[in-house]
């Protein structure tokens, strides 16, 4: 075997190694990209849920809602005028 044949065989194995390495890292890149997309989707879903919870919270703590619960569930009502006592300093 001469030097040129040995060099050709070496370069062929080197080329095969580079190609296998390239394919492997392309596959890894695709996996990471898919994982990143999944995390981004989860982030968007969590942001949407957070917005819904904020709206629900603002609804539950509004004065109208509190007054409605007080009237319906606790049978509370506003006092009559004669029941209100004004204290003057």
N, C-alpha and C. Protein backbone atom coordinates (compact mmCIF):
# COMPACT_ATOMS: atom_id res chain seq x y z
N UNK A 1 0.85 -1.17 0.00
CA UNK A 1 0.00 0.00 0.00
C UNK A 1 0.90 1.24 0.00
N UNK A 2 0.63 2.12 -0.90
CA UNK A 2 1.48 3.31 -0.96
C UNK A 2 0.90 4.43 -0.11
N UNK A 3 1.60 5.53 -0.06
CA UNK A 3 1.22 6.67 0.79
C UNK A 3 -0.09 7.28 0.33
N UNK A 4 -0.30 7.35 -0.97
CA UNK A 4 -1.52 7.96 -1.50
C UNK A 4 -2.75 7.12 -1.12
N UNK A 5 -2.68 5.84 -1.16
CA UNK A 5 -3.80 4.96 -0.78
C UNK A 5 -4.09 5.09 0.71
N UNK A 6 -3.03 5.12 1.50
CA UNK A 6 -3.20 5.27 2.95
C UNK A 6 -3.85 6.60 3.29
N UNK A 7 -3.43 7.66 2.59
CA UNK A 7 -4.01 8.99 2.81
C UNK A 7 -5.48 9.00 2.40
N UNK A 8 -5.80 8.33 1.29
CA UNK A 8 -7.20 8.26 0.82
C UNK A 8 -8.08 7.53 1.83
N UNK A 9 -7.60 6.42 2.35
CA UNK A 9 -8.36 5.66 3.34
C UNK A 9 -8.56 6.52 4.61
N UNK A 10 -7.52 7.19 5.03
CA UNK A 10 -7.61 8.06 6.21
C UNK A 10 -8.64 9.16 5.99
N UNK A 11 -8.59 9.80 4.81
CA UNK A 11 -9.54 10.88 4.51
C UNK A 11 -10.97 10.36 4.41
N UNK A 12 -11.15 9.15 3.90
CA UNK A 12 -12.50 8.57 3.82
C UNK A 12 -13.05 8.34 5.23
N UNK A 13 -12.23 7.76 6.12
CA UNK A 13 -12.68 7.56 7.50
C UNK A 13 -12.93 8.89 8.22
N UNK A 14 -12.11 9.87 7.95
CA UNK A 14 -12.29 11.20 8.53
C UNK A 14 -13.60 11.80 8.04
N UNK A 15 -13.87 11.67 6.74
CA UNK A 15 -15.11 12.18 6.17
C UNK A 15 -16.32 11.48 6.78
N UNK A 16 -16.25 10.17 6.92
CA UNK A 16 -17.36 9.42 7.52
C UNK A 16 -17.57 9.87 8.96
N UNK A 17 -16.49 10.08 9.70
CA UNK A 17 -16.61 10.56 11.07
C UNK A 17 -17.25 11.93 11.15
N UNK A 18 -16.86 12.82 10.24
CA UNK A 18 -17.43 14.18 10.22
C UNK A 18 -18.92 14.12 9.89
N UNK A 19 -19.28 13.30 8.91
CA UNK A 19 -20.69 13.21 8.51
C UNK A 19 -21.53 12.62 9.66
N UNK A 20 -21.05 11.57 10.30
CA UNK A 20 -21.79 10.98 11.42
C UNK A 20 -21.94 12.00 12.55
N UNK A 21 -20.88 12.72 12.83
CA UNK A 21 -20.92 13.76 13.86
C UNK A 21 -21.93 14.85 13.50
N UNK A 22 -21.93 15.25 12.24
CA UNK A 22 -22.86 16.28 11.77
C UNK A 22 -24.31 15.83 11.94
N UNK A 23 -24.61 14.60 11.53
CA UNK A 23 -25.97 14.07 11.65
C UNK A 23 -26.38 13.98 13.12
N UNK A 24 -25.48 13.54 13.96
CA UNK A 24 -25.78 13.43 15.40
C UNK A 24 -26.13 14.79 15.98
N UNK A 25 -25.32 15.80 15.68
CA UNK A 25 -25.58 17.12 16.27
C UNK A 25 -26.79 17.80 15.65
N UNK A 26 -27.10 17.51 14.41
CA UNK A 26 -28.35 18.02 13.82
C UNK A 26 -29.55 17.43 14.56
N UNK A 27 -29.49 16.15 14.85
CA UNK A 27 -30.56 15.49 15.59
C UNK A 27 -30.71 16.08 16.99
N UNK A 28 -29.59 16.30 17.66
CA UNK A 28 -29.63 16.91 19.00
C UNK A 28 -30.23 18.31 18.94
N UNK A 29 -29.87 19.06 17.90
CA UNK A 29 -30.41 20.41 17.73
C UNK A 29 -31.92 20.37 17.54
N UNK A 30 -32.40 19.43 16.74
CA UNK A 30 -33.85 19.30 16.53
C UNK A 30 -34.56 18.94 17.83
N UNK A 31 -33.97 18.05 18.61
CA UNK A 31 -34.57 17.68 19.90
C UNK A 31 -34.67 18.90 20.82
N UNK A 32 -33.57 19.66 20.90
CA UNK A 32 -33.57 20.84 21.77
C UNK A 32 -34.56 21.89 21.28
N UNK A 33 -34.67 22.04 19.98
CA UNK A 33 -35.62 23.00 19.43
C UNK A 33 -37.05 22.59 19.77
N UNK A 34 -37.36 21.30 19.64
CA UNK A 34 -38.70 20.81 19.98
C UNK A 34 -38.97 21.02 21.47
N UNK A 35 -38.00 20.78 22.31
CA UNK A 35 -38.17 21.00 23.74
C UNK A 35 -38.39 22.48 24.04
N UNK A 36 -37.64 23.33 23.36
CA UNK A 36 -37.80 24.77 23.54
C UNK A 36 -39.20 25.22 23.13
N UNK A 37 -39.70 24.69 22.02
CA UNK A 37 -41.05 25.02 21.58
C UNK A 37 -42.09 24.58 22.61
N UNK A 38 -41.88 23.41 23.20
CA UNK A 38 -42.81 22.94 24.24
C UNK A 38 -42.81 23.85 25.45
N UNK A 39 -41.64 24.30 25.85
CA UNK A 39 -41.54 25.21 27.00
C UNK A 39 -42.18 26.55 26.67
N UNK A 40 -41.99 27.04 25.45
CA UNK A 40 -42.62 28.30 25.04
C UNK A 40 -44.14 28.18 25.06
N UNK A 41 -44.66 27.03 24.59
CA UNK A 41 -46.10 26.81 24.60
C UNK A 41 -46.62 26.79 26.03
N UNK A 42 -45.89 26.11 26.91
CA UNK A 42 -46.29 26.06 28.33
C UNK A 42 -46.26 27.45 28.94
N UNK A 43 -45.28 28.25 28.57
CA UNK A 43 -45.19 29.63 29.08
C UNK A 43 -46.40 30.44 28.65
N UNK A 44 -46.80 30.31 27.38
CA UNK A 44 -47.97 31.04 26.90
C UNK A 44 -49.24 30.59 27.63
N UNK A 45 -49.37 29.28 27.86
CA UNK A 45 -50.54 28.77 28.57
C UNK A 45 -50.58 29.28 30.01
N UNK A 46 -49.41 29.33 30.66
CA UNK A 46 -49.36 29.83 32.03
C UNK A 46 -49.69 31.32 32.08
N UNK A 47 -49.21 32.08 31.10
CA UNK A 47 -49.54 33.51 31.06
C UNK A 47 -51.03 33.73 30.86
N UNK A 48 -51.64 32.91 30.00
CA UNK A 48 -53.09 33.03 29.79
C UNK A 48 -53.85 32.67 31.06
N UNK A 49 -53.42 31.61 31.74
CA UNK A 49 -54.08 31.23 33.00
C UNK A 49 -53.91 32.32 34.05
N UNK A 50 -52.72 32.92 34.10
CA UNK A 50 -52.48 34.01 35.06
C UNK A 50 -53.42 35.18 34.78
N UNK A 51 -53.60 35.52 33.52
CA UNK A 51 -54.50 36.61 33.17
C UNK A 51 -55.93 36.28 33.58
N UNK A 52 -56.36 35.03 33.33
CA UNK A 52 -57.72 34.63 33.75
C UNK A 52 -57.87 34.70 35.26
N UNK A 53 -56.84 34.27 35.99
CA UNK A 53 -56.91 34.32 37.45
C UNK A 53 -56.95 35.76 37.96
N UNK A 54 -56.22 36.64 37.31
CA UNK A 54 -56.24 38.05 37.72
C UNK A 54 -57.63 38.64 37.51
N UNK A 55 -58.26 38.29 36.39
CA UNK A 55 -59.63 38.78 36.13
C UNK A 55 -60.59 38.21 37.15
N UNK A 56 -60.45 36.92 37.44
CA UNK A 56 -61.32 36.29 38.42
C UNK A 56 -61.13 36.92 39.80
N UNK A 57 -59.89 37.20 40.15
CA UNK A 57 -59.61 37.82 41.45
C UNK A 57 -60.25 39.20 41.53
N UNK A 58 -60.09 39.99 40.47
CA UNK A 58 -60.67 41.33 40.50
C UNK A 58 -62.19 41.27 40.58
N UNK A 59 -62.79 40.24 39.97
CA UNK A 59 -64.24 40.08 40.05
C UNK A 59 -64.67 39.71 41.46
N UNK A 60 -63.92 38.79 42.10
CA UNK A 60 -64.30 38.31 43.42
C UNK A 60 -64.12 39.36 44.51
N UNK A 61 -63.18 40.27 44.35
CA UNK A 61 -62.94 41.25 45.40
C UNK A 61 -63.59 42.60 45.12
N UNK A 62 -64.39 42.69 44.05
CA UNK A 62 -65.05 43.96 43.77
C UNK A 62 -66.13 44.22 44.83
N UNK A 63 -66.42 45.49 45.05
CA UNK A 63 -67.40 45.87 46.07
C UNK A 63 -68.78 45.29 45.77
N UNK A 64 -69.16 45.27 44.51
CA UNK A 64 -70.47 44.72 44.15
C UNK A 64 -70.56 43.25 44.51
N UNK A 65 -69.51 42.51 44.24
CA UNK A 65 -69.50 41.07 44.54
C UNK A 65 -69.56 40.83 46.05
N UNK A 66 -68.80 41.61 46.80
CA UNK A 66 -68.80 41.47 48.26
C UNK A 66 -70.18 41.80 48.83
N UNK A 67 -70.78 42.86 48.30
CA UNK A 67 -72.11 43.23 48.77
C UNK A 67 -73.14 42.15 48.41
N UNK A 68 -73.04 41.58 47.24
CA UNK A 68 -73.95 40.52 46.81
C UNK A 68 -73.82 39.29 47.71
N UNK A 69 -72.60 38.89 48.03
CA UNK A 69 -72.39 37.73 48.90
C UNK A 69 -72.92 38.04 50.30
N UNK A 70 -72.68 39.25 50.78
CA UNK A 70 -73.17 39.62 52.11
C UNK A 70 -74.70 39.56 52.17
N UNK A 71 -75.35 40.02 51.12
CA UNK A 71 -76.82 40.00 51.10
C UNK A 71 -77.36 38.57 50.98
N UNK A 72 -76.81 37.80 50.05
CA UNK A 72 -77.39 36.49 49.73
C UNK A 72 -76.99 35.40 50.73
N UNK A 73 -75.71 35.33 51.07
CA UNK A 73 -75.24 34.22 51.89
C UNK A 73 -75.28 34.53 53.38
N UNK A 74 -75.10 35.78 53.74
CA UNK A 74 -75.07 36.14 55.16
C UNK A 74 -76.33 36.87 55.61
N UNK A 75 -77.26 37.08 54.68
CA UNK A 75 -78.52 37.78 54.97
C UNK A 75 -78.27 39.14 55.61
N UNK A 76 -77.27 39.83 55.15
CA UNK A 76 -76.97 41.16 55.68
C UNK A 76 -77.70 42.20 54.85
N UNK A 77 -77.94 43.37 55.43
CA UNK A 77 -78.57 44.48 54.71
C UNK A 77 -78.04 45.79 55.26
N UNK A 78 -78.23 46.84 54.50
CA UNK A 78 -77.81 48.16 54.96
C UNK A 78 -78.69 48.60 56.12
N UNK A 79 -78.14 49.30 57.09
CA UNK A 79 -78.96 49.74 58.22
C UNK A 79 -79.93 50.85 57.78
N UNK A 80 -81.04 50.91 58.51
CA UNK A 80 -82.02 51.98 58.25
C UNK A 80 -81.44 53.30 58.75
N UNK A 81 -82.01 54.41 58.29
CA UNK A 81 -81.49 55.73 58.66
C UNK A 81 -81.52 55.94 60.17
N UNK A 82 -82.56 55.45 60.85
CA UNK A 82 -82.66 55.66 62.29
C UNK A 82 -81.66 54.79 63.06
N UNK A 83 -81.10 53.77 62.41
CA UNK A 83 -80.12 52.92 63.06
C UNK A 83 -78.69 53.48 62.95
N UNK A 84 -78.53 54.51 62.09
CA UNK A 84 -77.20 55.08 61.89
C UNK A 84 -77.00 56.20 62.89
N UNK A 85 -75.86 56.19 63.57
CA UNK A 85 -75.57 57.20 64.55
C UNK A 85 -74.31 57.96 64.09
N UNK A 86 -74.46 59.29 64.00
CA UNK A 86 -73.36 60.13 63.55
C UNK A 86 -72.70 60.74 64.78
N UNK A 87 -71.41 60.61 64.89
CA UNK A 87 -70.68 61.15 66.03
C UNK A 87 -69.93 62.40 65.56
N UNK A 88 -70.18 63.49 66.22
CA UNK A 88 -69.54 64.76 65.85
C UNK A 88 -68.52 65.09 66.94
N UNK A 89 -67.34 65.53 66.56
CA UNK A 89 -66.33 65.91 67.54
C UNK A 89 -66.56 67.29 68.05
